[in-house]
Amino acid sequence: MPDWPEWWSWELAIIEHAEERMQVRHFTEVELRDMLERASGYRAGRVPGRWLIETRHDGEAWIVVVEPNPAHRQLEVVTAFKAKK
């Protein structure tokens, strides 16, 4: 299990873009939260301040993109998608 940063325990906030992607990619907030609970690692994203969370959903590898918001002590979910093979 990775050594998670402080922001990992912050309250989760799902931004509008992520909510739209959840509908298109057919997963719910409950499933998203489950993916985050079972996350296996993380790495910096291409956009500064964003992180790629490695997880699984329905037997496949997924990435959840998050952005810590220190001003509100929230972890904002930007999007989630199946990882490329």
Protein backbone atom coordinates (compact mmCIF):
# COMPACT_ATOMS: atom_id res chain seq x y z
CA MET A 1 0.00 0.00 0.00
CA PRO A 2 1.42 3.41 -0.89
CA ASP A 3 2.21 6.11 1.62
CA TRP A 4 -0.69 8.45 0.82
CA PRO A 5 -0.30 12.23 1.09
CA GLU A 6 -2.29 14.33 3.57
CA TRP A 7 -4.92 15.27 0.99
CA TRP A 8 -5.92 11.63 0.58
CA SER A 9 -8.03 11.86 3.76
CA TRP A 10 -9.77 15.12 2.83
CA GLU A 11 -13.48 15.30 2.05
CA LEU A 12 -14.30 14.18 -1.48
CA ALA A 13 -15.87 16.66 -3.92
CA ILE A 14 -17.02 15.54 -7.36
CA ILE A 15 -16.91 18.37 -9.88
CA GLU A 16 -19.50 18.73 -12.64
CA HIS A 17 -17.19 17.40 -15.35
CA ALA A 18 -16.65 14.20 -13.36
CA GLU A 19 -20.40 13.79 -12.84
CA GLU A 20 -20.93 14.06 -16.61
CA ARG A 21 -18.23 11.46 -17.26
CA MET A 22 -19.76 9.13 -14.68
CA GLN A 23 -22.97 9.05 -16.74
CA VAL A 24 -21.15 8.53 -20.05
CA ARG A 25 -18.83 5.84 -18.65
CA HIS A 26 -21.61 4.11 -16.70
CA PHE A 27 -20.49 4.18 -13.08
CA THR A 28 -22.02 5.69 -9.97
CA GLU A 29 -20.72 7.80 -7.10
CA VAL A 30 -20.85 4.71 -4.89
CA GLU A 31 -18.69 2.83 -7.40
CA LEU A 32 -16.32 5.80 -7.64
CA ARG A 33 -15.91 5.90 -3.87
CA ASP A 34 -15.29 2.15 -3.89
CA MET A 35 -12.61 2.60 -6.57
CA LEU A 36 -10.89 5.20 -4.39
CA GLU A 37 -11.07 2.99 -1.30
CA ARG A 38 -9.35 0.20 -3.23
CA ALA A 39 -6.75 2.42 -4.91
CA SER A 40 -3.35 0.81 -5.29
CA GLY A 41 -1.16 3.80 -6.12
CA TYR A 42 -0.85 7.33 -7.42
CA ARG A 43 1.40 9.49 -9.54
CA ALA A 44 1.57 13.09 -10.67
CA GLY A 45 -0.58 13.98 -13.66
CA ARG A 46 0.40 16.04 -16.68
CA VAL A 47 -1.51 19.04 -15.35
CA PRO A 48 0.35 20.54 -12.37
CA GLY A 49 -1.49 19.91 -9.11
CA ARG A 50 -3.44 16.91 -10.43
CA TRP A 51 -2.84 13.31 -9.47
CA LEU A 52 -3.66 10.03 -11.19
CA ILE A 53 -5.06 7.43 -8.83
CA GLU A 54 -4.58 3.82 -9.93
CA THR A 55 -7.46 1.49 -9.15
CA ARG A 56 -9.74 -1.22 -10.54
CA HIS A 57 -13.41 -1.38 -11.47
CA ASP A 58 -15.32 -4.33 -12.92
CA GLY A 59 -12.09 -6.31 -13.23
CA GLU A 60 -10.31 -3.64 -15.29
CA ALA A 61 -7.65 -1.04 -14.51
CA TRP A 62 -8.98 2.50 -14.09
CA ILE A 63 -7.49 5.93 -13.43
CA VAL A 64 -9.23 8.53 -11.27
CA VAL A 65 -7.90 12.06 -11.74
CA VAL A 66 -8.01 14.16 -8.58
CA GLU A 67 -6.95 17.66 -7.63
CA PRO A 68 -6.40 18.58 -3.99
CA ASN A 69 -8.01 21.90 -2.98
CA PRO A 70 -6.06 23.04 0.10
CA ALA A 71 -8.21 26.15 0.61
CA HIS A 72 -11.24 23.96 1.29
CA ARG A 73 -9.36 20.81 2.36
CA GLN A 74 -11.23 18.88 -0.31
CA LEU A 75 -10.07 16.28 -2.78
CA GLU A 76 -11.80 17.12 -6.04
CA VAL A 77 -12.49 14.33 -8.50
CA VAL A 78 -11.89 15.67 -12.01
CA THR A 79 -12.65 12.54 -14.06
CA ALA A 80 -12.21 8.76 -14.19
CA PHE A 81 -11.53 6.46 -17.13
CA LYS A 82 -10.36 2.97 -18.03
CA ALA A 83 -6.58 2.77 -18.12
CA LYS A 84 -5.00 2.11 -21.51
CA LYS A 85 -3.66 -1.38 -21.92
